Amino acid sequence: MTEHAAHPDGMIRAAGAVVWRGSPDAPEVALVHRPRYDDWSFPKGKLKNGEHAIAGALREVAEETGITVELGRSLPPSHYTKGGLPKRVDYWLARMVSEESRTDRREVDDVVWLPVREAARRLTYDWDAGLLRALGAASPTTTPLVLVRHALAGNRQDWKGDDDDRPLDENGLRQAEVLASVLGAFRPAELVSSPSRRCVQTLEPYAERAGLPVRLEPALSETHHDFQASLLLAEKALASNRPTALCGHGKTLPGLISEVGGRSGDARLAKGAFTVLHHNGGRVVAMDRYTV
């Protein structure tokens, strides 16, 4: 599982994507030319203060290319030094959804679509060519199954009512707003939640933006948790090939993630964190874990 979390102060953080279109068997990828450096690379740029890397990747791609994308699996990050400081650039594989006029014409003066082999020859930097090799390791076409742990909801011991009614606290509501934009990168079209108020609230901002209902499933709750029933929900999502987000609890999700992902290791999630299982034809081919 690829982990995406906060990094130490002093590191320059940036994000971008290998954007593709066309046939999965013979995709074209988008390269940008930056006149300041006279180089060819993938669209990328520095994160704004407090910006999530996923949101930064979407923004930079749109600004530099005019392309709206949906994200797939993560690609290996690039590490190098700039101005004496360490720099990390996180990348994703991203499918083009639509293309409009570019807003950034100062830093990027040309955008081209090239077949993979031609793109490899055009790229200026070796680490970018490495991203193309990662692209060829598996089909670029995957469907996301997103498993979300509810956002921060205060202290269980301080809540006097039914625990299923415990709401998100102020920090949790902020996490849910961040999640709304970050989940949008994967475009889940089906939202399923534990009936617990804190879980429903975690998905509500994205549901409102996307105009989608949140379906309640007691099997995902702590009170009525049913592992086999929740596993069936996940398996149906895989079989449907429909992008889906499931929201549940810290005690109930790790076993589901391990079982569906078919991998051992620590599958625990911090509050507000989520795991994306990227699957192709119902088979999970990659897993990414994110914090907010």
C-alpha atoms as a PDB file:
ATOM      1  CA  MET A   1       0.000   0.000   0.000  1.00  0.00           C
ATOM      2  CA  THR A   2       1.323   3.435  -0.904  1.00  0.00           C
ATOM      3  CA  GLU A   3       1.113   5.897   1.995  1.00  0.00           C
ATOM      4  CA  HIS A   4       0.451   9.607   1.493  1.00  0.00           C
ATOM      5  CA  ALA A   5       0.758  11.756   4.597  1.00  0.00           C
ATOM      6  CA  ALA A   6       2.232  14.986   5.936  1.00  0.00           C
ATOM      7  CA  HIS A   7       5.969  15.552   5.509  1.00  0.00           C
ATOM      8  CA  PRO A   8       8.561  17.364   7.622  1.00  0.00           C
ATOM      9  CA  ASP A   9       8.847  21.153   7.587  1.00  0.00           C
ATOM     10  CA  GLY A  10      11.500  22.440   5.235  1.00  0.00           C
ATOM     11  CA  MET A  11      10.544  20.109   2.410  1.00  0.00           C
ATOM     12  CA  ILE A  12       9.186  21.710  -0.748  1.00  0.00           C
ATOM     13  CA  ARG A  13       5.976  19.925  -1.668  1.00  0.00           C
ATOM     14  CA  ALA A  14       4.585  19.737  -5.185  1.00  0.00           C
ATOM     15  CA  ALA A  15       2.115  17.561  -7.066  1.00  0.00           C
ATOM     16  CA  GLY A  16       1.262  16.647 -10.620  1.00  0.00           C
ATOM     17  CA  ALA A  17      -0.012  13.901 -12.879  1.00  0.00           C
ATOM     18  CA  VAL A  18       0.696  11.748 -15.880  1.00  0.00           C
ATOM     19  CA  VAL A  19      -2.435  12.625 -17.830  1.00  0.00           C
ATOM     20  CA  TRP A  20      -3.588  10.182 -20.509  1.00  0.00           C
ATOM     21  CA  ARG A  21      -6.349   9.885 -23.076  1.00  0.00           C
ATOM     22  CA  GLY A  22      -7.433   7.455 -25.759  1.00  0.00           C
ATOM     23  CA  SER A  23      -7.178   3.682 -25.714  1.00  0.00           C
ATOM     24  CA  PRO A  24      -5.770   2.056 -22.555  1.00  0.00           C
ATOM     25  CA  ASP A  25      -3.711  -0.200 -24.859  1.00  0.00           C
ATOM     26  CA  ALA A  26      -2.161   2.728 -26.746  1.00  0.00           C
ATOM     27  CA  PRO A  27      -2.618   5.857 -24.641  1.00  0.00           C
ATOM     28  CA  GLU A  28      -1.362   9.342 -25.398  1.00  0.00           C
ATOM     29  CA  VAL A  29       0.086  11.402 -22.543  1.00  0.00           C
ATOM     30  CA  ALA A  30       0.183  15.173 -22.069  1.00  0.00           C
ATOM     31  CA  LEU A  31       3.546  16.943 -21.813  1.00  0.00           C
ATOM     32  CA  VAL A  32       4.095  20.620 -21.042  1.00  0.00           C
ATOM     33  CA  HIS A  33       6.900  22.924 -22.166  1.00  0.00           C
ATOM     34  CA  ARG A  34       8.188  25.528 -19.708  1.00  0.00           C
ATOM     35  CA  PRO A  35      10.025  28.363 -21.472  1.00  0.00           C
ATOM     36  CA  ARG A  36      11.792  29.441 -18.276  1.00  0.00           C
ATOM     37  CA  TYR A  37      13.693  26.147 -18.190  1.00  0.00           C
ATOM     38  CA  ASP A  38      13.222  25.114 -21.832  1.00  0.00           C
ATOM     39  CA  ASP A  39      12.199  21.654 -20.647  1.00  0.00           C
ATOM     40  CA  TRP A  40       9.468  19.113 -21.362  1.00  0.00           C
ATOM     41  CA  SER A  41       7.815  17.472 -18.363  1.00  0.00           C
ATOM     42  CA  PHE A  42       4.496  16.413 -16.888  1.00  0.00           C
ATOM     43  CA  PRO A  43       2.167  19.089 -15.483  1.00  0.00           C
ATOM     44  CA  LYS A  44       3.021  19.795 -11.856  1.00  0.00           C
ATOM     45  CA  GLY A  45       3.547  22.627  -9.401  1.00  0.00           C
ATOM     46  CA  LYS A  46       4.088  23.633  -5.798  1.00  0.00           C
ATOM     47  CA  LEU A  47       1.319  23.202  -3.260  1.00  0.00           C
ATOM     48  CA  LYS A  48      -0.284  26.194  -1.655  1.00  0.00           C
ATOM     49  CA  ASN A  49      -0.143  26.579   2.125  1.00  0.00           C
ATOM     50  CA  GLY A  50      -2.325  23.882   3.712  1.00  0.00           C
ATOM     51  CA  GLU A  51      -3.335  22.451   0.337  1.00  0.00           C
ATOM     52  CA  HIS A  52      -3.820  18.700   0.101  1.00  0.00           C
ATOM     53  CA  ALA A  53      -1.529  17.084  -2.476  1.00  0.00           C
ATOM     54  CA  ILE A  54      -4.497  15.655  -4.371  1.00  0.00           C
ATOM     55  CA  ALA A  55      -6.175  19.061  -4.613  1.00  0.00           C
ATOM     56  CA  GLY A  56      -2.847  20.556  -5.685  1.00  0.00           C
ATOM     57  CA  ALA A  57      -2.414  18.000  -8.448  1.00  0.00           C
ATOM     58  CA  LEU A  58      -5.896  18.700  -9.834  1.00  0.00           C
ATOM     59  CA  ARG A  59      -5.330  22.458  -9.699  1.00  0.00           C
ATOM     60  CA  GLU A  60      -1.894  22.377 -11.326  1.00  0.00           C
ATOM     61  CA  VAL A  61      -3.048  20.120 -14.157  1.00  0.00           C
ATOM     62  CA  ALA A  62      -6.024  22.379 -14.855  1.00  0.00           C
ATOM     63  CA  GLU A  63      -3.959  25.571 -14.734  1.00  0.00           C
ATOM     64  CA  GLU A  64      -1.119  24.311 -16.903  1.00  0.00           C
ATOM     65  CA  THR A  65      -3.091  22.296 -19.443  1.00  0.00           C
ATOM     66  CA  GLY A  66      -6.773  23.261 -19.191  1.00  0.00           C
ATOM     67  CA  ILE A  67      -7.528  19.565 -18.622  1.00  0.00           C
ATOM     68  CA  THR A  68      -9.941  18.232 -16.000  1.00  0.00           C
ATOM     69  CA  VAL A  69      -8.969  14.757 -14.830  1.00  0.00           C
ATOM     70  CA  GLU A  70      -9.982  11.926 -12.579  1.00  0.00           C
ATOM     71  CA  LEU A  71      -7.177  10.340 -10.610  1.00  0.00           C
ATOM     72  CA  GLY A  72      -6.158   6.713 -10.706  1.00  0.00           C
ATOM     73  CA  ARG A  73      -3.392   4.998  -8.792  1.00  0.00           C
ATOM     74  CA  SER A  74      -0.460   6.943  -7.419  1.00  0.00           C
ATOM     75  CA  LEU A  75       2.902   6.817  -9.184  1.00  0.00           C
ATOM     76  CA  PRO A  76       6.337   6.896  -7.532  1.00  0.00           C
ATOM     77  CA  PRO A  77       7.143  10.375  -6.192  1.00  0.00           C
ATOM     78  CA  SER A  78      10.188  12.292  -7.406  1.00  0.00           C
ATOM     79  CA  HIS A  79      12.765  13.453  -4.860  1.00  0.00           C
ATOM     80  CA  TYR A  80      15.466  15.987  -5.581  1.00  0.00           C
ATOM     81  CA  THR A  81      17.045  19.143  -4.158  1.00  0.00           C
ATOM     82  CA  LYS A  82      16.092  22.653  -5.214  1.00  0.00           C
ATOM     83  CA  GLY A  83      17.717  25.778  -3.771  1.00  0.00           C
ATOM     84  CA  GLY A  84      19.405  23.655  -1.153  1.00  0.00           C
ATOM     85  CA  LEU A  85      16.080  22.250   0.104  1.00  0.00           C
ATOM     86  CA  PRO A  86      14.684  18.755  -0.407  1.00  0.00           C
ATOM     87  CA  LYS A  87      11.737  18.611  -2.780  1.00  0.00           C
ATOM     88  CA  ARG A  88       9.116  15.929  -3.233  1.00  0.00           C
ATOM     89  CA  VAL A  89       6.686  15.803  -6.140  1.00  0.00           C
ATOM     90  CA  ASP A  90       3.734  13.422  -5.779  1.00  0.00           C
ATOM     91  CA  TYR A  91       2.284  12.073  -9.017  1.00  0.00           C
ATOM     92  CA  TRP A  92      -0.838  10.232 -10.046  1.00  0.00           C
ATOM     93  CA  LEU A  93      -2.010   8.529 -13.160  1.00  0.00           C
ATOM     94  CA  ALA A  94      -4.935  10.645 -14.377  1.00  0.00           C
ATOM     95  CA  ARG A  95      -7.487  10.125 -17.141  1.00  0.00           C
ATOM     96  CA  MET A  96      -8.610  13.167 -19.117  1.00  0.00           C
ATOM     97  CA  VAL A  97     -12.277  13.995 -18.557  1.00  0.00           C
ATOM     98  CA  SER A  98     -12.486  17.288 -20.453  1.00  0.00           C
ATOM     99  CA  GLU A  99     -10.216  19.948 -21.951  1.00  0.00           C
ATOM    100  CA  GLU A 100     -10.658  23.735 -21.982  1.00  0.00           C
ATOM    101  CA  SER A 101      -8.485  26.833 -22.437  1.00  0.00           C
ATOM    102  CA  ARG A 102      -5.384  27.061 -20.267  1.00  0.00           C
ATOM    103  CA  THR A 103      -5.159  29.717 -17.565  1.00  0.00           C
ATOM    104  CA  ASP A 104      -1.363  29.528 -17.108  1.00  0.00           C
ATOM    105  CA  ARG A 105       0.388  30.725 -20.252  1.00  0.00           C
ATOM    106  CA  ARG A 106       3.405  32.330 -18.582  1.00  0.00           C
ATOM    107  CA  GLU A 107       4.945  29.206 -17.080  1.00  0.00           C
ATOM    108  CA  VAL A 108       3.718  26.831 -19.794  1.00  0.00           C
ATOM    109  CA  ASP A 109       3.779  27.900 -23.440  1.00  0.00           C
ATOM    110  CA  ASP A 110       2.924  24.587 -25.110  1.00  0.00           C
ATOM    111  CA  VAL A 111       1.009  21.384 -24.354  1.00  0.00           C
ATOM    112  CA  VAL A 112       1.329  18.327 -26.588  1.00  0.00           C
ATOM    113  CA  TRP A 113      -0.240  14.863 -26.650  1.00  0.00           C
ATOM    114  CA  LEU A 114       2.212  12.107 -27.556  1.00  0.00           C
ATOM    115  CA  PRO A 115       2.265   8.296 -27.674  1.00  0.00           C
ATOM    116  CA  VAL A 116       4.201   6.834 -24.762  1.00  0.00           C
ATOM    117  CA  ARG A 117       7.379   5.993 -26.716  1.00  0.00           C
ATOM    118  CA  GLU A 118       7.559   9.430 -28.309  1.00  0.00           C
ATOM    119  CA  ALA A 119       6.864  11.073 -24.955  1.00  0.00           C
ATOM    120  CA  ALA A 120       9.760   9.147 -23.408  1.00  0.00           C
ATOM    121  CA  ARG A 121      12.090  10.596 -26.036  1.00  0.00           C
ATOM    122  CA  ARG A 122      10.742  14.137 -25.582  1.00  0.00           C
ATOM    123  CA  LEU A 123      10.963  14.272 -21.771  1.00  0.00           C
ATOM    124  CA  THR A 124      13.904  16.234 -20.385  1.00  0.00           C
ATOM    125  CA  TYR A 125      14.356  14.456 -17.049  1.00  0.00           C
ATOM    126  CA  ASP A 126      15.148  10.826 -16.315  1.00  0.00           C
ATOM    127  CA  TRP A 127      12.773  10.671 -13.353  1.00  0.00           C
ATOM    128  CA  ASP A 128       9.859  11.596 -15.640  1.00  0.00           C
ATOM    129  CA  ALA A 129      10.774   8.741 -17.972  1.00  0.00           C
ATOM    130  CA  GLY A 130      10.590   6.499 -14.909  1.00  0.00           C
ATOM    131  CA  LEU A 131       6.981   7.538 -14.425  1.00  0.00           C
ATOM    132  CA  LEU A 132       6.203   6.343 -17.931  1.00  0.00           C
ATOM    133  CA  ARG A 133       7.711   2.963 -17.091  1.00  0.00           C
ATOM    134  CA  ALA A 134       5.396   2.780 -14.079  1.00  0.00           C
ATOM    135  CA  LEU A 135       2.486   3.659 -16.375  1.00  0.00           C
ATOM    136  CA  GLY A 136       3.261   0.625 -18.498  1.00  0.00           C
ATOM    137  CA  ALA A 137       3.365  -1.741 -15.516  1.00  0.00           C
ATOM    138  CA  ALA A 138      -0.432  -2.188 -15.505  1.00  0.00           C
ATOM    139  CA  SER A 139      -3.505  -1.005 -17.368  1.00  0.00           C
ATOM    140  CA  PRO A 140      -4.178   2.706 -16.768  1.00  0.00           C
ATOM    141  CA  THR A 141      -7.893   1.971 -16.561  1.00  0.00           C
ATOM    142  CA  THR A 142      -8.990   1.305 -12.990  1.00  0.00           C
ATOM    143  CA  THR A 143     -12.101   1.940 -10.901  1.00  0.00           C
ATOM    144  CA  PRO A 144     -11.833   3.252  -7.325  1.00  0.00           C
ATOM    145  CA  LEU A 145     -13.386   1.749  -4.224  1.00  0.00           C
ATOM    146  CA  VAL A 146     -12.792   4.331  -1.481  1.00  0.00           C
ATOM    147  CA  LEU A 147     -13.026   3.317   2.182  1.00  0.00           C
ATOM    148  CA  VAL A 148     -13.276   6.332   4.488  1.00  0.00           C
ATOM    149  CA  ARG A 149     -13.011   6.487   8.263  1.00  0.00           C
ATOM    150  CA  HIS A 150     -15.283   9.154   9.705  1.00  0.00           C
ATOM    151  CA  ALA A 151     -13.721  12.512  10.579  1.00  0.00           C
ATOM    152  CA  LEU A 152     -12.995  13.801  14.091  1.00  0.00           C
ATOM    153  CA  ALA A 153     -16.014  13.642  16.404  1.00  0.00           C
ATOM    154  CA  GLY A 154     -14.756  14.662  19.831  1.00  0.00           C
ATOM    155  CA  ASN A 155     -14.279  12.292  22.746  1.00  0.00           C
ATOM    156  CA  ARG A 156     -16.578   9.302  23.024  1.00  0.00           C
ATOM    157  CA  GLN A 157     -16.466   9.513  26.838  1.00  0.00           C
ATOM    158  CA  ASP A 158     -17.619  13.155  26.813  1.00  0.00           C
ATOM    159  CA  TRP A 159     -20.742  12.425  24.753  1.00  0.00           C
ATOM    160  CA  LYS A 160     -23.794  11.771  26.963  1.00  0.00           C
ATOM    161  CA  GLY A 161     -26.244  10.535  24.350  1.00  0.00           C
ATOM    162  CA  ASP A 162     -26.459   7.530  22.044  1.00  0.00           C
ATOM    163  CA  ASP A 163     -23.037   7.130  20.450  1.00  0.00           C
ATOM    164  CA  ASP A 164     -24.612   6.717  17.014  1.00  0.00           C
ATOM    165  CA  ASP A 165     -25.836  10.311  17.371  1.00  0.00           C
ATOM    166  CA  ARG A 166     -22.391  11.765  18.165  1.00  0.00           C
ATOM    167  CA  PRO A 167     -21.637  14.495  15.576  1.00  0.00           C
ATOM    168  CA  LEU A 168     -18.417  15.721  14.050  1.00  0.00           C
ATOM    169  CA  ASP A 169     -16.629  18.426  16.008  1.00  0.00           C
ATOM    170  CA  GLU A 170     -15.292  21.632  14.421  1.00  0.00           C
ATOM    171  CA  ASN A 171     -12.088  19.950  13.274  1.00  0.00           C
ATOM    172  CA  GLY A 172     -14.078  17.063  11.860  1.00  0.00           C
ATOM    173  CA  LEU A 173     -16.336  19.402   9.887  1.00  0.00           C
ATOM    174  CA  ARG A 174     -13.219  21.005   8.397  1.00  0.00           C
ATOM    175  CA  GLN A 175     -11.888  17.542   7.507  1.00  0.00           C
ATOM    176  CA  ALA A 176     -15.183  16.709   5.798  1.00  0.00           C
ATOM    177  CA  GLU A 177     -14.883  19.861   3.655  1.00  0.00           C
ATOM    178  CA  VAL A 178     -11.352  18.890   2.616  1.00  0.00           C
ATOM    179  CA  LEU A 179     -12.562  15.380   1.871  1.00  0.00           C
ATOM    180  CA  ALA A 180     -15.252  16.789  -0.412  1.00  0.00           C
ATOM    181  CA  SER A 181     -12.663  18.182  -2.809  1.00  0.00           C
ATOM    182  CA  VAL A 182     -10.242  15.286  -2.411  1.00  0.00           C
ATOM    183  CA  LEU A 183     -12.853  12.568  -2.944  1.00  0.00           C
ATOM    184  CA  GLY A 184     -13.966  14.467  -6.041  1.00  0.00           C
ATOM    185  CA  ALA A 185     -10.649  13.485  -7.648  1.00  0.00           C
ATOM    186  CA  PHE A 186     -11.900   9.876  -7.761  1.00  0.00           C
ATOM    187  CA  ARG A 187     -15.491  10.785  -8.702  1.00  0.00           C
ATOM    188  CA  PRO A 188     -17.374   8.209  -6.616  1.00  0.00           C
ATOM    189  CA  ALA A 189     -20.897   7.882  -7.987  1.00  0.00           C
ATOM    190  CA  GLU A 190     -22.212   5.678  -5.171  1.00  0.00           C
ATOM    191  CA  LEU A 191     -21.992   6.747  -1.502  1.00  0.00           C
ATOM    192  CA  VAL A 192     -22.618   4.245   1.282  1.00  0.00           C
ATOM    193  CA  SER A 193     -22.293   4.987   4.987  1.00  0.00           C
ATOM    194  CA  SER A 194     -22.700   3.615   8.453  1.00  0.00           C
ATOM    195  CA  PRO A 195     -25.914   5.155   9.856  1.00  0.00           C
ATOM    196  CA  SER A 196     -23.867   6.823  12.623  1.00  0.00           C
ATOM    197  CA  ARG A 197     -24.241  10.584  12.404  1.00  0.00           C
ATOM    198  CA  ARG A 198     -20.477  11.220  12.297  1.00  0.00           C
ATOM    199  CA  CYS A 199     -20.088   8.934   9.270  1.00  0.00           C
ATOM    200  CA  VAL A 200     -22.961  10.485   7.331  1.00  0.00           C
ATOM    201  CA  GLN A 201     -21.646  13.978   8.087  1.00  0.00           C
ATOM    202  CA  THR A 202     -18.238  12.982   6.761  1.00  0.00           C
ATOM    203  CA  LEU A 203     -19.687  12.222   3.305  1.00  0.00           C
ATOM    204  CA  GLU A 204     -22.317  14.985   3.215  1.00  0.00           C
ATOM    205  CA  PRO A 205     -20.164  17.822   1.783  1.00  0.00           C
ATOM    206  CA  TYR A 206     -19.097  15.664  -1.156  1.00  0.00           C
ATOM    207  CA  ALA A 207     -22.642  14.319  -1.569  1.00  0.00           C
ATOM    208  CA  GLU A 208     -24.002  17.868  -1.779  1.00  0.00           C
ATOM    209  CA  ARG A 209     -21.397  18.923  -4.361  1.00  0.00           C
ATOM    210  CA  ALA A 210     -21.985  15.833  -6.470  1.00  0.00           C
ATOM    211  CA  GLY A 211     -25.779  15.827  -6.062  1.00  0.00           C
ATOM    212  CA  LEU A 212     -25.760  12.275  -4.714  1.00  0.00           C
ATOM    213  CA  PRO A 213     -27.686  10.552  -1.921  1.00  0.00           C
ATOM    214  CA  VAL A 214     -25.912   8.756   0.923  1.00  0.00           C
ATOM    215  CA  ARG A 215     -27.212   5.214   1.362  1.00  0.00           C
ATOM    216  CA  LEU A 216     -27.190   3.940   4.950  1.00  0.00           C
ATOM    217  CA  GLU A 217     -25.962   0.416   5.664  1.00  0.00           C
ATOM    218  CA  PRO A 218     -26.050  -0.841   9.294  1.00  0.00           C
ATOM    219  CA  ALA A 219     -23.450  -3.500   8.452  1.00  0.00           C
ATOM    220  CA  LEU A 220     -20.822  -0.730   8.326  1.00  0.00           C
ATOM    221  CA  SER A 221     -21.676   0.577  11.794  1.00  0.00           C
ATOM    222  CA  GLU A 222     -20.100  -0.295  15.127  1.00  0.00           C
ATOM    223  CA  THR A 223     -23.451  -1.036  16.748  1.00  0.00           C
ATOM    224  CA  HIS A 224     -24.686  -3.501  14.121  1.00  0.00           C
ATOM    225  CA  HIS A 225     -21.416  -4.399  12.445  1.00  0.00           C
ATOM    226  CA  ASP A 226     -21.605  -7.486  10.267  1.00  0.00           C
ATOM    227  CA  PHE A 227     -18.287  -8.303   8.622  1.00  0.00           C
ATOM    228  CA  GLN A 228     -19.705 -10.702   6.048  1.00  0.00           C
ATOM    229  CA  ALA A 229     -22.441  -8.273   5.071  1.00  0.00           C
ATOM    230  CA  SER A 230     -19.957  -5.391   4.755  1.00  0.00           C
ATOM    231  CA  LEU A 231     -17.667  -7.642   2.711  1.00  0.00           C
ATOM    232  CA  LEU A 232     -20.577  -8.388   0.398  1.00  0.00           C
ATOM    233  CA  LEU A 233     -21.160  -4.641  -0.019  1.00  0.00           C
ATOM    234  CA  ALA A 234     -17.538  -4.166  -1.063  1.00  0.00           C
ATOM    235  CA  GLU A 235     -17.604  -7.165  -3.397  1.00  0.00           C
ATOM    236  CA  LYS A 236     -20.763  -5.854  -5.066  1.00  0.00           C
ATOM    237  CA  ALA A 237     -19.035  -2.501  -5.566  1.00  0.00           C
ATOM    238  CA  LEU A 238     -16.102  -4.253  -7.231  1.00  0.00           C
ATOM    239  CA  ALA A 239     -18.402  -6.281  -9.466  1.00  0.00           C
ATOM    240  CA  SER A 240     -20.462  -3.232 -10.465  1.00  0.00           C
ATOM    241  CA  ASN A 241     -17.352  -1.430 -11.750  1.00  0.00           C
ATOM    242  CA  ARG A 242     -18.968   1.744 -10.408  1.00  0.00           C
ATOM    243  CA  PRO A 243     -16.783   4.202  -8.431  1.00  0.00           C
ATOM    244  CA  THR A 244     -17.945   3.840  -4.829  1.00  0.00           C
ATOM    245  CA  ALA A 245     -17.132   5.335  -1.421  1.00  0.00           C
ATOM    246  CA  LEU A 246     -17.917   3.519   1.824  1.00  0.00           C
ATOM    247  CA  CYS A 247     -17.688   5.370   5.159  1.00  0.00           C
ATOM    248  CA  GLY A 248     -17.303   3.510   8.430  1.00  0.00           C
ATOM    249  CA  HIS A 249     -15.379   3.226  11.671  1.00  0.00           C
ATOM    250  CA  GLY A 250     -11.851   2.647  12.882  1.00  0.00           C
ATOM    251  CA  LYS A 251     -12.821  -0.677  14.436  1.00  0.00           C
ATOM    252  CA  THR A 252     -14.627  -2.057  11.393  1.00  0.00           C
ATOM    253  CA  LEU A 253     -12.717  -0.888   8.303  1.00  0.00           C
ATOM    254  CA  PRO A 254      -9.200  -2.402   8.676  1.00  0.00           C
ATOM    255  CA  GLY A 255     -10.373  -5.988   8.336  1.00  0.00           C
ATOM    256  CA  LEU A 256     -12.458  -5.060   5.315  1.00  0.00           C
ATOM    257  CA  ILE A 257      -9.537  -3.261   3.663  1.00  0.00           C
ATOM    258  CA  SER A 258      -7.203  -6.204   4.245  1.00  0.00           C
ATOM    259  CA  GLU A 259      -9.701  -8.769   3.012  1.00  0.00           C
ATOM    260  CA  VAL A 260     -10.821  -6.919  -0.111  1.00  0.00           C
ATOM    261  CA  GLY A 261      -7.328  -5.661  -0.918  1.00  0.00           C
ATOM    262  CA  GLY A 262      -5.880  -9.133  -0.468  1.00  0.00           C
ATOM    263  CA  ARG A 263      -2.857  -7.786   1.374  1.00  0.00           C
ATOM    264  CA  SER A 264      -1.451  -8.112   4.864  1.00  0.00           C
ATOM    265  CA  GLY A 265      -0.040  -5.251   6.899  1.00  0.00           C
ATOM    266  CA  ASP A 266      -1.364  -2.310   8.859  1.00  0.00           C
ATOM    267  CA  ALA A 267      -4.710  -1.258   7.386  1.00  0.00           C
ATOM    268  CA  ARG A 268      -5.712   1.103  10.195  1.00  0.00           C
ATOM    269  CA  LEU A 269      -6.939   4.580   9.290  1.00  0.00           C
ATOM    270  CA  ALA A 270      -6.701   7.827  11.224  1.00  0.00           C
ATOM    271  CA  LYS A 271      -9.951   9.764  11.607  1.00  0.00           C
ATOM    272  CA  GLY A 272     -10.815  11.384   8.291  1.00  0.00           C
ATOM    273  CA  ALA A 273      -8.299   9.219   6.421  1.00  0.00           C
ATOM    274  CA  PHE A 274      -9.184   6.918   3.556  1.00  0.00           C
ATOM    275  CA  THR A 275      -7.857   4.065   1.460  1.00  0.00           C
ATOM    276  CA  VAL A 276      -8.434   3.801  -2.276  1.00  0.00           C
ATOM    277  CA  LEU A 277      -8.547   0.300  -3.746  1.00  0.00           C
ATOM    278  CA  HIS A 278      -7.936   0.620  -7.484  1.00  0.00           C
ATOM    279  CA  HIS A 279      -9.476  -2.333  -9.294  1.00  0.00           C
ATOM    280  CA  ASN A 280      -9.694  -3.566 -12.840  1.00  0.00           C
ATOM    281  CA  GLY A 281     -12.356  -6.126 -13.709  1.00  0.00           C
ATOM    282  CA  GLY A 282     -12.975  -6.625  -9.977  1.00  0.00           C
ATOM    283  CA  ARG A 283      -9.305  -7.364  -9.241  1.00  0.00           C
ATOM    284  CA  VAL A 284      -7.527  -4.906  -6.941  1.00  0.00           C
ATOM    285  CA  VAL A 285      -4.265  -3.830  -8.612  1.00  0.00           C
ATOM    286  CA  ALA A 286      -3.144  -1.009  -6.304  1.00  0.00           C
ATOM    287  CA  MET A 287      -3.893   0.501  -2.891  1.00  0.00           C
ATOM    288  CA  ASP A 288      -3.237   4.048  -1.689  1.00  0.00           C
ATOM    289  CA  ARG A 289      -3.806   5.447   1.815  1.00  0.00           C
ATOM    290  CA  TYR A 290      -4.334   9.159   2.424  1.00  0.00           C
ATOM    291  CA  THR A 291      -4.684  11.443   5.423  1.00  0.00           C
ATOM    292  CA  VAL A 292      -6.413  14.848   5.490  1.00  0.00           C
END
